[in-house]
Amino acid sequence: MNILIAEDTPVLQLLNMRQMEHWGYDYDMASNGLEAIDYALKNEGKYDLGLMDIEMPMMNGLEATKVIRQRVKYFPIMAYTSNPDYRKRCFEYGFDEFVEKPTTSKDLRKIINELAVKAILLDYDKNDISIKQVTPMNPDDLKELRALKQKGLTKLKLMGTEHTFVVHRNIQNKISYDLIGEGKEMSEFIDRSEQEPGRCHLYKVNLHVTKDLFIPEELEDAIKKEDEIAIKFNQSADKKLPE
């Protein structure tokens, strides 16, 4: 996890630094909005989340976020301020979340993890599985990913197929185990999307094939069975994709 922090108060800077280090997160610390913009421009694509104070010298967090939204590839930004009056303006300027200071360390970490949620990108080539996390493309994409996470689901993007599916959060590790660990010809998974719920897919070497569509009475049992299998890969999923 890479966090861009913008905070001008030395005591709060130290507190944020200690929290990030305790959680095992990497971070860059900006003391004002101009520094935050500079970090964002120099490190485009690096940050999983921006933690932005509002009242800062030289340039405030509102203006800094406005510039970042115009000039930098999208990443989630959370307003973190003691002044609740900024809430409406923050969302107008492009923030994704608004949190009032102070908040507990536990609650702050929970919000950060929910805001920094990502889709899964899976690439299978020459008997090797590559699994990456992909930053949301925009606020709507982030909103969808956060809603899916609450259900234990995620988006799965298959390289080479240009297809995206809604799947169990651990399914990428099941696919990896099937193809690499077990040496199977193909790995099977169920699409949980509302558009085509229950459609089963087969995947091998950047190729996916639709297998069938479960009837309602079959779908519940099939999903339950897949959940029981996928949950076993929770530990490996956490190792491969640390938060």
Protein backbone atom coordinates (compact mmCIF):
# COMPACT_ATOMS: atom_id res chain seq x y z
CA MET A 1 0.00 0.00 0.00
CA ASN A 2 1.40 3.40 -1.03
CA ILE A 3 -0.20 6.46 0.57
CA LEU A 4 0.24 10.13 -0.33
CA ILE A 5 -0.32 12.18 2.85
CA ALA A 6 -0.83 15.95 2.85
CA GLU A 7 -0.70 17.38 6.38
CA ASP A 8 0.90 20.60 7.65
CA THR A 9 0.76 20.09 11.43
CA PRO A 10 4.04 18.51 12.67
CA VAL A 11 2.39 16.53 15.48
CA LEU A 12 -0.18 15.04 13.10
CA GLN A 13 2.54 14.36 10.53
CA LEU A 14 4.40 12.30 13.14
CA LEU A 15 1.20 10.50 14.14
CA ASN A 16 0.39 9.62 10.53
CA MET A 17 3.94 8.44 9.90
CA ARG A 18 3.87 6.15 12.93
CA GLN A 19 0.50 4.72 11.89
CA MET A 20 1.68 3.98 8.36
CA GLU A 21 4.86 2.34 9.60
CA HIS A 22 2.90 0.27 12.13
CA TRP A 23 0.53 -0.92 9.40
CA GLY A 24 3.40 -1.67 7.02
CA TYR A 25 2.28 0.95 4.47
CA ASP A 26 4.68 3.03 2.39
CA TYR A 27 4.01 6.77 2.27
CA ASP A 28 5.16 10.19 1.11
CA MET A 29 4.49 13.20 3.32
CA ALA A 30 3.58 16.60 1.86
CA SER A 31 3.31 19.69 4.07
CA ASN A 32 0.98 21.62 1.77
CA GLY A 33 -1.12 21.30 -1.37
CA LEU A 34 1.68 22.30 -3.74
CA GLU A 35 3.93 19.57 -2.40
CA ALA A 36 1.09 17.07 -2.71
CA ILE A 37 0.65 17.98 -6.39
CA ASP A 38 4.40 17.65 -6.96
CA TYR A 39 4.46 14.18 -5.41
CA ALA A 40 1.42 13.11 -7.45
CA LEU A 41 2.92 14.33 -10.73
CA LYS A 42 6.35 12.81 -10.12
CA ASN A 43 4.93 9.47 -8.96
CA GLU A 44 1.92 9.02 -11.22
CA GLY A 45 0.49 5.53 -10.87
CA LYS A 46 2.27 4.89 -7.57
CA TYR A 47 -0.35 5.80 -4.99
CA ASP A 48 -3.18 3.59 -3.81
CA LEU A 49 -4.71 6.43 -1.80
CA GLY A 50 -4.38 10.12 -0.99
CA LEU A 51 -4.96 11.27 2.61
CA MET A 52 -5.57 15.01 2.28
CA ASP A 53 -5.88 17.68 4.95
CA ILE A 54 -7.87 20.75 3.84
CA GLU A 55 -6.52 23.79 5.70
CA MET A 56 -2.84 24.02 4.69
CA PRO A 57 -0.48 26.88 3.78
CA MET A 58 0.47 27.87 0.21
CA MET A 59 -2.36 25.75 -1.27
CA ASN A 60 -5.22 24.04 0.54
CA GLY A 61 -6.38 20.49 0.04
CA LEU A 62 -9.38 21.48 -2.07
CA GLU A 63 -7.32 23.23 -4.72
CA ALA A 64 -4.63 20.55 -4.63
CA THR A 65 -7.16 17.79 -5.24
CA LYS A 66 -8.74 19.79 -8.07
CA VAL A 67 -5.36 20.03 -9.83
CA ILE A 68 -4.53 16.36 -9.20
CA ARG A 69 -7.86 15.33 -10.69
CA GLN A 70 -7.10 17.38 -13.81
CA ARG A 71 -3.49 16.31 -14.33
CA VAL A 72 -2.93 12.88 -12.77
CA LYS A 73 -4.32 9.43 -13.50
CA TYR A 74 -7.14 8.65 -11.07
CA PHE A 75 -6.51 7.32 -7.57
CA PRO A 76 -8.83 7.58 -4.53
CA ILE A 77 -8.42 10.66 -2.32
CA MET A 78 -9.86 11.00 1.17
CA ALA A 79 -10.42 14.33 2.92
CA TYR A 80 -9.15 14.15 6.50
CA THR A 81 -10.03 17.33 8.38
CA SER A 82 -11.40 18.56 11.69
CA ASN A 83 -13.80 20.99 9.99
CA PRO A 84 -17.12 19.32 9.00
CA ASP A 85 -18.16 22.42 7.04
CA TYR A 86 -15.92 21.31 4.16
CA ARG A 87 -17.84 18.10 3.49
CA LYS A 88 -19.98 19.35 0.57
CA ARG A 89 -17.15 21.25 -1.10
CA CYS A 90 -14.80 18.29 -0.82
CA PHE A 91 -17.05 16.09 -2.93
CA GLU A 92 -17.52 18.94 -5.41
CA TYR A 93 -13.72 19.16 -5.78
CA GLY A 94 -13.30 15.46 -6.52
CA PHE A 95 -12.73 13.76 -3.18
CA ASP A 96 -13.95 10.17 -2.78
CA GLU A 97 -14.46 10.16 0.97
CA PHE A 98 -14.70 12.61 3.87
CA VAL A 99 -13.51 11.73 7.38
CA GLU A 100 -13.44 14.05 10.38
CA LYS A 101 -10.48 14.27 12.73
CA PRO A 102 -9.95 12.80 15.16
CA THR A 103 -10.81 9.19 14.45
CA THR A 104 -9.46 5.99 15.96
CA SER A 105 -6.55 4.23 14.35
CA LYS A 106 -8.72 1.15 13.81
CA ASP A 107 -11.47 3.11 12.05
CA LEU A 108 -8.99 5.05 9.91
CA ARG A 109 -7.31 1.88 8.71
CA LYS A 110 -10.68 0.31 7.93
CA ILE A 111 -11.69 3.31 5.81
CA ILE A 112 -8.33 3.36 4.02
CA ASN A 113 -8.61 -0.33 3.13
CA GLU A 114 -12.16 0.12 1.85
CA LEU A 115 -11.17 3.14 -0.21
CA ALA A 116 -8.04 1.56 -1.66
CA VAL A 117 -9.87 -1.53 -2.95
CA LYS A 118 -8.76 -2.77 -6.38
CA ALA A 119 -9.78 -5.14 -9.13
CA ILE A 120 -7.73 -8.23 -9.98
CA LEU A 121 -5.79 -8.52 -13.25
CA LEU A 122 -4.84 -12.09 -14.17
CA ASP A 123 -2.42 -13.02 -16.95
CA TYR A 124 -1.49 -16.62 -17.78
CA ASP A 125 1.41 -17.14 -20.14
CA LYS A 126 3.80 -20.05 -20.67
CA ASN A 127 2.75 -21.90 -17.54
CA ASP A 128 3.14 -18.84 -15.35
CA ILE A 129 0.37 -16.94 -13.57
CA SER A 130 0.75 -13.22 -13.03
CA ILE A 131 -1.70 -11.65 -10.57
CA LYS A 132 -1.85 -7.88 -10.10
CA GLN A 133 -4.14 -5.38 -8.44
CA VAL A 134 -5.61 -2.67 -10.64
CA THR A 135 -6.54 0.80 -9.39
CA PRO A 136 -10.14 1.87 -10.16
CA MET A 137 -10.48 3.94 -13.33
CA ASN A 138 -12.87 6.52 -11.87
CA PRO A 139 -15.18 7.19 -8.87
CA ASP A 140 -17.97 5.02 -10.30
CA ASP A 141 -15.57 2.10 -10.68
CA LEU A 142 -14.40 2.63 -7.10
CA LYS A 143 -17.99 2.71 -5.83
CA GLU A 144 -18.72 -0.60 -7.56
CA LEU A 145 -15.58 -2.27 -6.19
CA ARG A 146 -16.39 -1.13 -2.66
CA ALA A 147 -19.91 -2.53 -2.93
CA LEU A 148 -18.56 -5.84 -4.25
CA LYS A 149 -16.02 -6.06 -1.44
CA GLN A 150 -18.83 -5.88 1.11
CA LYS A 151 -20.24 -9.04 -0.52
CA GLY A 152 -16.91 -10.88 -0.60
CA LEU A 153 -16.60 -10.34 -4.35
CA THR A 154 -14.30 -8.51 -6.74
CA LYS A 155 -13.78 -7.77 -10.42
CA LEU A 156 -11.57 -10.13 -12.39
CA LYS A 157 -9.95 -8.90 -15.60
CA LEU A 158 -8.38 -11.52 -17.85
CA MET A 159 -5.42 -10.31 -19.89
CA GLY A 160 -5.71 -11.14 -23.55
CA THR A 161 -9.49 -11.59 -23.47
CA GLU A 162 -10.73 -8.03 -22.83
CA HIS A 163 -13.37 -9.47 -20.49
CA THR A 164 -14.21 -8.51 -16.92
CA PHE A 165 -16.19 -10.66 -14.51
CA VAL A 166 -17.61 -10.41 -10.99
CA VAL A 167 -16.19 -13.29 -8.97
CA HIS A 168 -15.40 -14.56 -5.48
CA ARG A 169 -12.56 -12.47 -4.03
CA ASN A 170 -10.18 -15.48 -3.98
CA ILE A 171 -11.01 -16.96 -7.37
CA GLN A 172 -7.76 -15.81 -8.99
CA ASN A 173 -5.85 -18.01 -6.57
CA LYS A 174 -8.09 -20.97 -7.34
CA ILE A 175 -7.38 -20.45 -11.05
CA SER A 176 -3.66 -20.29 -10.33
CA TYR A 177 -3.83 -23.48 -8.29
CA ASP A 178 -5.86 -25.32 -10.94
CA LEU A 179 -3.58 -24.42 -13.83
CA ILE A 180 -0.18 -24.42 -12.12
CA GLY A 181 -0.56 -26.45 -8.94
CA GLU A 182 -2.77 -29.17 -10.35
CA GLY A 183 -1.72 -28.85 -13.99
CA LYS A 184 -5.31 -28.88 -15.21
CA GLU A 185 -6.20 -28.03 -18.79
CA MET A 186 -8.67 -25.35 -17.75
CA SER A 187 -10.01 -23.64 -14.64
CA GLU A 188 -13.70 -23.05 -14.10
CA PHE A 189 -15.37 -20.11 -12.35
CA ILE A 190 -18.84 -18.60 -11.98
CA ASP A 191 -19.65 -15.05 -13.03
CA ARG A 192 -21.63 -13.35 -10.23
CA SER A 193 -22.58 -10.22 -12.22
CA GLU A 194 -26.19 -9.09 -12.22
CA GLN A 195 -26.30 -8.97 -16.00
CA GLU A 196 -25.64 -12.69 -16.49
CA PRO A 197 -25.73 -14.31 -13.05
CA GLY A 198 -24.63 -17.90 -12.95
CA ARG A 199 -22.86 -18.13 -16.28
CA CYS A 200 -19.94 -20.51 -15.95
CA HIS A 201 -16.62 -19.85 -17.68
CA LEU A 202 -13.54 -21.85 -18.54
CA TYR A 203 -10.14 -20.18 -18.70
CA LYS A 204 -6.81 -21.25 -20.13
CA VAL A 205 -3.82 -19.38 -21.59
CA ASN A 206 -5.56 -16.03 -22.02
CA LEU A 207 -8.60 -17.69 -23.56
CA HIS A 208 -12.00 -17.91 -21.96
CA VAL A 209 -14.95 -19.98 -23.08
CA THR A 210 -18.53 -19.76 -21.83
CA LYS A 211 -19.57 -23.17 -20.62
CA ASP A 212 -23.21 -22.94 -19.56
CA LEU A 213 -25.81 -20.97 -17.65
CA PHE A 214 -27.13 -22.54 -14.47
CA ILE A 215 -30.84 -22.70 -13.90
CA PRO A 216 -31.88 -20.97 -10.62
CA GLU A 217 -32.12 -24.12 -8.52
CA GLU A 218 -28.67 -25.23 -9.68
CA LEU A 219 -27.03 -21.83 -9.29
CA GLU A 220 -27.38 -21.61 -5.50
CA ASP A 221 -25.72 -24.96 -4.98
CA ALA A 222 -23.00 -24.21 -7.53
CA ILE A 223 -22.14 -20.88 -5.88
CA LYS A 224 -22.11 -22.48 -2.44
CA LYS A 225 -19.73 -25.16 -3.67
CA GLU A 226 -17.44 -22.61 -5.32
CA ASP A 227 -17.44 -20.48 -2.16
CA GLU A 228 -16.37 -23.49 -0.08
CA ILE A 229 -13.48 -24.11 -2.48
CA ALA A 230 -12.44 -20.47 -2.92
CA ILE A 231 -12.43 -19.65 0.78
CA LYS A 232 -9.64 -22.19 1.24
CA PHE A 233 -7.42 -19.90 -0.81
CA ASN A 234 -7.87 -16.93 1.53
CA GLN A 235 -4.46 -17.32 3.10
CA SER A 236 -2.68 -17.58 -0.26
CA ALA A 237 -4.69 -14.62 -1.56
CA ASP A 238 -3.53 -12.47 1.35
CA LYS A 239 0.06 -13.47 0.73
CA LYS A 240 -0.09 -12.68 -2.97
CA LEU A 241 -2.09 -9.48 -2.60
CA PRO A 242 -1.12 -7.75 0.64
CA GLU A 243 -3.27 -4.84 1.84
